[in-house]
Amino acid sequence: MFTGLIEEQGKIKEIKTSSSGMEIVIECSKILEDINQGASICINGACQSVISFGTDFFTVQASNETLKVTNFKTLKSGDIVNLERALTLRKRLDGHIVSGHIDCTGVFVQSIDDGFSKKLFFKLPDNFKKYVIYKGSVAINGVSLTIASIEDNIFSVELIPETIKSVNLSGLKKGDIVNIETDIMAKYVEKILISKDNTSKINYNFLSENGFV
């Protein structure tokens, strides 16, 4: 599990692609402080296992499934990625619960200035827009953010200056692909509600009457 609070921005040092997947070498420093082989590192929001590391880098292997659902296939040497180590029981959960399992990719639409913040707009695939709600949580390239607006399958988030300098979202160009993880709770609720053998008294009407939807 992760929090969506980025600890460091790493730099892609090397990428090797084959029919088996992709091997990625990432240059960084802070992430390496207590790293070990097999450790989970969130890279642009996708949980990956460390297979090797050195004094200024670590290496992961992304499976074909990961390449299918993430923006890893667009990565190239020199790109900047968001990094976060796995959550510990002694760490405050200042963001939200992020599993590191990417649901889909989204498309960056535009950015506008909003006071000292920047409002960023993204387009979701139609079949994932149901998991995104106003003031709900979303992880974009691993960054925990609050949804500021939503219209059909386009939603926005606001980045304050502190966030802007710490993550790789401020340099996005129109059409760039980002990793999206929607709120994990929404998917569990959906699974319960549509289950054929659901005997729970919790249904859509109950959730609506009690202000959850």
C-alpha atoms as a PDB file:
ATOM      1  CA  MET A   1       0.000   0.000   0.000  1.00  0.00           C
ATOM      2  CA  PHE A   2       1.018   3.605  -0.651  1.00  0.00           C
ATOM      3  CA  THR A   3      -0.230   7.086   0.248  1.00  0.00           C
ATOM      4  CA  GLY A   4       0.109   8.958  -3.030  1.00  0.00           C
ATOM      5  CA  LEU A   5       2.621  11.378  -1.492  1.00  0.00           C
ATOM      6  CA  ILE A   6       5.651  11.408  -3.777  1.00  0.00           C
ATOM      7  CA  GLU A   7       8.983  11.069  -1.987  1.00  0.00           C
ATOM      8  CA  GLU A   8      11.294  11.681  -4.911  1.00  0.00           C
ATOM      9  CA  GLN A   9      11.414  12.159  -8.647  1.00  0.00           C
ATOM     10  CA  GLY A  10      13.648   9.607 -10.331  1.00  0.00           C
ATOM     11  CA  LYS A  11      15.209   9.634 -13.796  1.00  0.00           C
ATOM     12  CA  ILE A  12      15.010   6.789 -16.277  1.00  0.00           C
ATOM     13  CA  LYS A  13      18.588   5.653 -16.891  1.00  0.00           C
ATOM     14  CA  GLU A  14      17.974   2.668 -19.155  1.00  0.00           C
ATOM     15  CA  ILE A  15      15.109   0.694 -20.646  1.00  0.00           C
ATOM     16  CA  LYS A  16      15.290  -2.785 -22.157  1.00  0.00           C
ATOM     17  CA  THR A  17      12.169  -4.107 -23.903  1.00  0.00           C
ATOM     18  CA  SER A  18      11.564  -7.678 -24.989  1.00  0.00           C
ATOM     19  CA  SER A  19       8.686 -10.078 -25.583  1.00  0.00           C
ATOM     20  CA  SER A  20       8.815 -10.854 -21.837  1.00  0.00           C
ATOM     21  CA  GLY A  21       8.190  -7.269 -20.749  1.00  0.00           C
ATOM     22  CA  MET A  22      10.349  -4.282 -19.857  1.00  0.00           C
ATOM     23  CA  GLU A  23      13.368  -3.859 -17.584  1.00  0.00           C
ATOM     24  CA  ILE A  24      13.714  -0.323 -16.230  1.00  0.00           C
ATOM     25  CA  VAL A  25      16.724   1.205 -14.474  1.00  0.00           C
ATOM     26  CA  ILE A  26      15.938   4.342 -12.463  1.00  0.00           C
ATOM     27  CA  GLU A  27      18.435   6.826 -11.001  1.00  0.00           C
ATOM     28  CA  CYS A  28      17.469   8.223  -7.582  1.00  0.00           C
ATOM     29  CA  SER A  29      18.813   8.820  -4.069  1.00  0.00           C
ATOM     30  CA  LYS A  30      16.251   9.074  -1.253  1.00  0.00           C
ATOM     31  CA  ILE A  31      14.383   5.920  -2.257  1.00  0.00           C
ATOM     32  CA  LEU A  32      17.599   3.957  -1.824  1.00  0.00           C
ATOM     33  CA  GLU A  33      18.006   4.799   1.881  1.00  0.00           C
ATOM     34  CA  ASP A  34      16.423   1.560   3.120  1.00  0.00           C
ATOM     35  CA  ILE A  35      15.928  -0.364  -0.114  1.00  0.00           C
ATOM     36  CA  ASN A  36      16.264  -4.129  -0.418  1.00  0.00           C
ATOM     37  CA  GLN A  37      15.777  -6.697  -3.139  1.00  0.00           C
ATOM     38  CA  GLY A  38      12.081  -7.468  -3.559  1.00  0.00           C
ATOM     39  CA  ALA A  39      10.968  -4.158  -2.032  1.00  0.00           C
ATOM     40  CA  SER A  40       7.858  -2.533  -3.482  1.00  0.00           C
ATOM     41  CA  ILE A  41       8.342   0.851  -5.121  1.00  0.00           C
ATOM     42  CA  CYS A  42       5.524   2.859  -6.659  1.00  0.00           C
ATOM     43  CA  ILE A  43       6.690   4.198 -10.046  1.00  0.00           C
ATOM     44  CA  ASN A  44       4.290   6.702 -11.611  1.00  0.00           C
ATOM     45  CA  GLY A  45       1.631   5.029  -9.476  1.00  0.00           C
ATOM     46  CA  ALA A  46       2.415   1.429 -10.461  1.00  0.00           C
ATOM     47  CA  CYS A  47       3.717  -0.915  -7.759  1.00  0.00           C
ATOM     48  CA  GLN A  48       6.895  -2.672  -8.917  1.00  0.00           C
ATOM     49  CA  SER A  49       9.365  -5.013  -7.207  1.00  0.00           C
ATOM     50  CA  VAL A  50      13.051  -4.171  -6.996  1.00  0.00           C
ATOM     51  CA  ILE A  51      15.186  -6.870  -8.651  1.00  0.00           C
ATOM     52  CA  SER A  52      18.554  -5.127  -8.161  1.00  0.00           C
ATOM     53  CA  PHE A  53      19.996  -1.843  -6.926  1.00  0.00           C
ATOM     54  CA  GLY A  54      23.223   0.098  -6.543  1.00  0.00           C
ATOM     55  CA  THR A  55      24.455   3.309  -4.953  1.00  0.00           C
ATOM     56  CA  ASP A  56      22.411   5.545  -7.252  1.00  0.00           C
ATOM     57  CA  PHE A  57      19.872   3.324  -9.035  1.00  0.00           C
ATOM     58  CA  PHE A  58      17.412   0.460  -8.785  1.00  0.00           C
ATOM     59  CA  THR A  59      15.976  -1.878 -11.390  1.00  0.00           C
ATOM     60  CA  VAL A  60      12.499  -3.328 -11.886  1.00  0.00           C
ATOM     61  CA  GLN A  61      10.889  -5.668 -14.389  1.00  0.00           C
ATOM     62  CA  ALA A  62       7.483  -4.633 -15.713  1.00  0.00           C
ATOM     63  CA  SER A  63       5.315  -7.484 -16.962  1.00  0.00           C
ATOM     64  CA  ASN A  64       3.351  -7.384 -20.199  1.00  0.00           C
ATOM     65  CA  GLU A  65       0.182  -6.887 -18.129  1.00  0.00           C
ATOM     66  CA  THR A  66       1.726  -3.779 -16.558  1.00  0.00           C
ATOM     67  CA  LEU A  67       2.709  -2.463 -19.979  1.00  0.00           C
ATOM     68  CA  LYS A  68      -0.840  -3.023 -21.217  1.00  0.00           C
ATOM     69  CA  VAL A  69      -2.535  -0.893 -18.539  1.00  0.00           C
ATOM     70  CA  THR A  70       0.080   1.792 -17.752  1.00  0.00           C
ATOM     71  CA  ASN A  71       2.041   4.540 -19.484  1.00  0.00           C
ATOM     72  CA  PHE A  72       5.278   2.573 -19.075  1.00  0.00           C
ATOM     73  CA  LYS A  73       5.266   1.761 -22.790  1.00  0.00           C
ATOM     74  CA  THR A  74       5.690   5.496 -23.499  1.00  0.00           C
ATOM     75  CA  LEU A  75       8.687   5.895 -21.168  1.00  0.00           C
ATOM     76  CA  LYS A  76      12.116   6.645 -22.580  1.00  0.00           C
ATOM     77  CA  SER A  77      15.610   7.271 -21.249  1.00  0.00           C
ATOM     78  CA  GLY A  78      15.819  10.612 -19.454  1.00  0.00           C
ATOM     79  CA  ASP A  79      12.134  10.751 -18.471  1.00  0.00           C
ATOM     80  CA  ILE A  80      11.246  11.797 -14.919  1.00  0.00           C
ATOM     81  CA  VAL A  81       9.043   9.467 -12.850  1.00  0.00           C
ATOM     82  CA  ASN A  82       7.332   9.819  -9.469  1.00  0.00           C
ATOM     83  CA  LEU A  83       8.614   7.471  -6.744  1.00  0.00           C
ATOM     84  CA  GLU A  84       7.183   6.362  -3.402  1.00  0.00           C
ATOM     85  CA  ARG A  85       8.200   3.577  -1.036  1.00  0.00           C
ATOM     86  CA  ALA A  86       5.594   1.283   0.492  1.00  0.00           C
ATOM     87  CA  LEU A  87       3.609   2.551   3.480  1.00  0.00           C
ATOM     88  CA  THR A  88       4.709   1.456   6.961  1.00  0.00           C
ATOM     89  CA  LEU A  89       2.452   1.107   9.997  1.00  0.00           C
ATOM     90  CA  ARG A  90       4.321   3.967  11.688  1.00  0.00           C
ATOM     91  CA  LYS A  91       3.693   6.439   8.845  1.00  0.00           C
ATOM     92  CA  ARG A  92       0.840   8.962   8.814  1.00  0.00           C
ATOM     93  CA  LEU A  93      -1.637   8.385   5.982  1.00  0.00           C
ATOM     94  CA  ASP A  94      -1.601  11.972   4.744  1.00  0.00           C
ATOM     95  CA  GLY A  95      -2.765  11.145   1.216  1.00  0.00           C
ATOM     96  CA  HIS A  96      -5.259   8.345   0.627  1.00  0.00           C
ATOM     97  CA  ILE A  97      -5.029   4.568   0.298  1.00  0.00           C
ATOM     98  CA  VAL A  98      -3.260   3.840  -2.991  1.00  0.00           C
ATOM     99  CA  SER A  99      -2.807   0.195  -3.979  1.00  0.00           C
ATOM    100  CA  GLY A 100      -0.320   0.782  -6.784  1.00  0.00           C
ATOM    101  CA  HIS A 101      -2.555  -1.166  -9.166  1.00  0.00           C
ATOM    102  CA  ILE A 102      -3.302   1.030 -12.169  1.00  0.00           C
ATOM    103  CA  ASP A 103      -6.886   0.933 -13.456  1.00  0.00           C
ATOM    104  CA  CYS A 104      -6.316   2.679 -16.761  1.00  0.00           C
ATOM    105  CA  THR A 105      -4.470   5.472 -18.479  1.00  0.00           C
ATOM    106  CA  GLY A 106      -5.868   8.953 -18.955  1.00  0.00           C
ATOM    107  CA  VAL A 107      -5.097  11.760 -21.389  1.00  0.00           C
ATOM    108  CA  PHE A 108      -3.943  15.209 -20.313  1.00  0.00           C
ATOM    109  CA  VAL A 109      -6.287  17.824 -21.793  1.00  0.00           C
ATOM    110  CA  GLN A 110      -5.148  21.223 -20.550  1.00  0.00           C
ATOM    111  CA  SER A 111      -3.850  23.289 -17.652  1.00  0.00           C
ATOM    112  CA  ILE A 112      -5.125  26.665 -16.472  1.00  0.00           C
ATOM    113  CA  ASP A 113      -3.909  28.982 -13.723  1.00  0.00           C
ATOM    114  CA  ASP A 114      -6.239  29.275 -10.730  1.00  0.00           C
ATOM    115  CA  GLY A 115      -4.745  31.723  -8.243  1.00  0.00           C
ATOM    116  CA  PHE A 116      -1.514  30.237  -6.921  1.00  0.00           C
ATOM    117  CA  SER A 117      -2.693  26.802  -8.050  1.00  0.00           C
ATOM    118  CA  LYS A 118      -2.813  25.109 -11.424  1.00  0.00           C
ATOM    119  CA  LYS A 119      -5.947  23.275 -12.498  1.00  0.00           C
ATOM    120  CA  LEU A 120      -5.178  20.228 -14.631  1.00  0.00           C
ATOM    121  CA  PHE A 121      -7.807  18.476 -16.761  1.00  0.00           C
ATOM    122  CA  PHE A 122      -7.716  14.805 -17.749  1.00  0.00           C
ATOM    123  CA  LYS A 123      -9.891  12.571 -19.913  1.00  0.00           C
ATOM    124  CA  LEU A 124     -10.836   9.104 -18.684  1.00  0.00           C
ATOM    125  CA  PRO A 125     -12.031   6.075 -20.684  1.00  0.00           C
ATOM    126  CA  ASP A 126     -15.837   6.000 -20.539  1.00  0.00           C
ATOM    127  CA  ASN A 127     -15.963   2.745 -18.557  1.00  0.00           C
ATOM    128  CA  PHE A 128     -13.969   4.250 -15.668  1.00  0.00           C
ATOM    129  CA  LYS A 129     -15.757   7.580 -15.221  1.00  0.00           C
ATOM    130  CA  LYS A 130     -18.254   5.959 -12.819  1.00  0.00           C
ATOM    131  CA  TYR A 131     -15.485   5.585 -10.204  1.00  0.00           C
ATOM    132  CA  VAL A 132     -14.681   9.307 -10.156  1.00  0.00           C
ATOM    133  CA  ILE A 133     -16.766  11.661  -8.017  1.00  0.00           C
ATOM    134  CA  TYR A 134     -16.580  15.335  -7.086  1.00  0.00           C
ATOM    135  CA  LYS A 135     -14.243  15.810  -4.101  1.00  0.00           C
ATOM    136  CA  GLY A 136     -13.285  12.145  -4.267  1.00  0.00           C
ATOM    137  CA  SER A 137      -9.713  10.843  -4.351  1.00  0.00           C
ATOM    138  CA  VAL A 138      -7.718   9.837  -7.394  1.00  0.00           C
ATOM    139  CA  ALA A 139      -4.063   8.963  -7.978  1.00  0.00           C
ATOM    140  CA  ILE A 140      -2.499  10.399 -11.150  1.00  0.00           C
ATOM    141  CA  ASN A 141       0.990   9.063 -11.889  1.00  0.00           C
ATOM    142  CA  GLY A 142       0.944   7.995  -8.249  1.00  0.00           C
ATOM    143  CA  VAL A 143       0.067  11.451  -6.889  1.00  0.00           C
ATOM    144  CA  SER A 144      -2.832  11.582  -4.395  1.00  0.00           C
ATOM    145  CA  LEU A 145      -5.200  14.342  -5.522  1.00  0.00           C
ATOM    146  CA  THR A 146      -8.751  15.546  -4.896  1.00  0.00           C
ATOM    147  CA  ILE A 147     -11.139  15.884  -7.810  1.00  0.00           C
ATOM    148  CA  ALA A 148     -12.049  19.555  -8.232  1.00  0.00           C
ATOM    149  CA  SER A 149     -14.592  19.180 -11.032  1.00  0.00           C
ATOM    150  CA  ILE A 150     -16.019  16.525 -13.307  1.00  0.00           C
ATOM    151  CA  GLU A 151     -18.082  16.707 -16.472  1.00  0.00           C
ATOM    152  CA  ASP A 152     -18.831  13.503 -18.307  1.00  0.00           C
ATOM    153  CA  ASN A 153     -15.430  11.756 -18.603  1.00  0.00           C
ATOM    154  CA  ILE A 154     -13.249  14.848 -18.081  1.00  0.00           C
ATOM    155  CA  PHE A 155     -12.191  15.744 -14.557  1.00  0.00           C
ATOM    156  CA  SER A 156      -9.848  18.286 -13.022  1.00  0.00           C
ATOM    157  CA  VAL A 157      -7.505  18.442 -10.035  1.00  0.00           C
ATOM    158  CA  GLU A 158      -5.684  21.390  -8.498  1.00  0.00           C
ATOM    159  CA  LEU A 159      -1.967  21.444  -7.784  1.00  0.00           C
ATOM    160  CA  ILE A 160      -0.566  23.875  -5.244  1.00  0.00           C
ATOM    161  CA  PRO A 161       3.031  25.131  -5.705  1.00  0.00           C
ATOM    162  CA  GLU A 162       4.398  22.629  -3.159  1.00  0.00           C
ATOM    163  CA  THR A 163       2.942  19.746  -5.171  1.00  0.00           C
ATOM    164  CA  ILE A 164       3.983  21.223  -8.508  1.00  0.00           C
ATOM    165  CA  LYS A 165       7.661  21.245  -7.582  1.00  0.00           C
ATOM    166  CA  SER A 166       7.577  17.711  -6.151  1.00  0.00           C
ATOM    167  CA  VAL A 167       5.889  15.711  -8.939  1.00  0.00           C
ATOM    168  CA  ASN A 168       6.078  15.220 -12.699  1.00  0.00           C
ATOM    169  CA  LEU A 169       2.643  16.582 -13.612  1.00  0.00           C
ATOM    170  CA  SER A 170       3.441  20.262 -14.186  1.00  0.00           C
ATOM    171  CA  GLY A 171       5.369  19.559 -17.390  1.00  0.00           C
ATOM    172  CA  LEU A 172       2.601  17.611 -19.095  1.00  0.00           C
ATOM    173  CA  LYS A 173       1.747  18.481 -22.698  1.00  0.00           C
ATOM    174  CA  LYS A 174      -1.665  18.102 -24.330  1.00  0.00           C
ATOM    175  CA  GLY A 175      -2.196  14.474 -25.264  1.00  0.00           C
ATOM    176  CA  ASP A 176       0.346  13.072 -22.781  1.00  0.00           C
ATOM    177  CA  ILE A 177      -0.648   9.758 -21.177  1.00  0.00           C
ATOM    178  CA  VAL A 178      -0.858   9.392 -17.375  1.00  0.00           C
ATOM    179  CA  ASN A 179      -1.541   6.460 -15.057  1.00  0.00           C
ATOM    180  CA  ILE A 180      -4.861   6.557 -13.220  1.00  0.00           C
ATOM    181  CA  GLU A 181      -5.869   4.676 -10.075  1.00  0.00           C
ATOM    182  CA  THR A 182      -9.402   5.413  -8.935  1.00  0.00           C
ATOM    183  CA  ASP A 183     -10.545   5.164  -5.318  1.00  0.00           C
ATOM    184  CA  ILE A 184     -10.271   1.515  -4.280  1.00  0.00           C
ATOM    185  CA  MET A 185     -13.428   1.716  -2.119  1.00  0.00           C
ATOM    186  CA  ALA A 186     -15.637   2.457  -5.137  1.00  0.00           C
ATOM    187  CA  LYS A 187     -14.671  -0.797  -6.822  1.00  0.00           C
ATOM    188  CA  TYR A 188     -15.397  -2.901  -3.748  1.00  0.00           C
ATOM    189  CA  VAL A 189     -18.805  -1.262  -3.298  1.00  0.00           C
ATOM    190  CA  GLU A 190     -19.633  -1.908  -6.954  1.00  0.00           C
ATOM    191  CA  LYS A 191     -18.635  -5.568  -6.632  1.00  0.00           C
ATOM    192  CA  ILE A 192     -20.918  -6.047  -3.630  1.00  0.00           C
ATOM    193  CA  LEU A 193     -23.878  -4.311  -5.247  1.00  0.00           C
ATOM    194  CA  ILE A 194     -23.757  -6.261  -8.531  1.00  0.00           C
ATOM    195  CA  SER A 195     -22.999  -9.660  -6.982  1.00  0.00           C
ATOM    196  CA  LYS A 196     -25.778 -12.145  -7.752  1.00  0.00           C
ATOM    197  CA  ASP A 197     -25.457 -13.780  -4.321  1.00  0.00           C
ATOM    198  CA  ASN A 198     -25.410 -10.483  -2.434  1.00  0.00           C
ATOM    199  CA  THR A 199     -27.577 -10.883   0.697  1.00  0.00           C
ATOM    200  CA  SER A 200     -26.442  -7.653   2.308  1.00  0.00           C
ATOM    201  CA  LYS A 201     -29.019  -4.992   3.167  1.00  0.00           C
ATOM    202  CA  ILE A 202     -26.617  -2.444   1.731  1.00  0.00           C
ATOM    203  CA  ASN A 203     -27.807  -1.511  -1.732  1.00  0.00           C
ATOM    204  CA  TYR A 204     -27.905   1.576  -3.920  1.00  0.00           C
ATOM    205  CA  ASN A 205     -31.060   2.904  -2.237  1.00  0.00           C
ATOM    206  CA  PHE A 206     -29.493   2.493   1.213  1.00  0.00           C
ATOM    207  CA  LEU A 207     -26.358   4.334   0.134  1.00  0.00           C
ATOM    208  CA  SER A 208     -28.414   7.114  -1.450  1.00  0.00           C
ATOM    209  CA  GLU A 209     -30.717   7.558   1.549  1.00  0.00           C
ATOM    210  CA  ASN A 210     -27.717   7.838   3.866  1.00  0.00           C
ATOM    211  CA  GLY A 211     -25.852  10.363   1.774  1.00  0.00           C
ATOM    212  CA  PHE A 212     -23.115   8.134   0.336  1.00  0.00           C
ATOM    213  CA  VAL A 213     -24.082   8.661  -3.308  1.00  0.00           C
END
